[in-house]
């Protein structure tokens, strides 16, 4: 299925510590989970081994929330959960 990364998602990725390559990888490789309001989510844990907000993290989990419109997945937002 094709997907489109919306401008809001691109803005949030910078603020939340991910990038377009990671979003694409999540969308292309991970399993779908159903979340509230008919939205869908895919997530993946990436090695991080770096500091974020003055704390060191080994990994980060990138979560992409999206909807399906016709035959296209359209991102709603992206979040990052850091794992120490």
Foldseek 3Di string as FASTA:
>chain_A
DAEDEDPQQQVQCVVAPHHPVVVVCQVVDFDWDADPPQKIKTKDKDQDQQDDPRDGFGIKMKMWIWHDDDHYTYTDYIHIDTHD
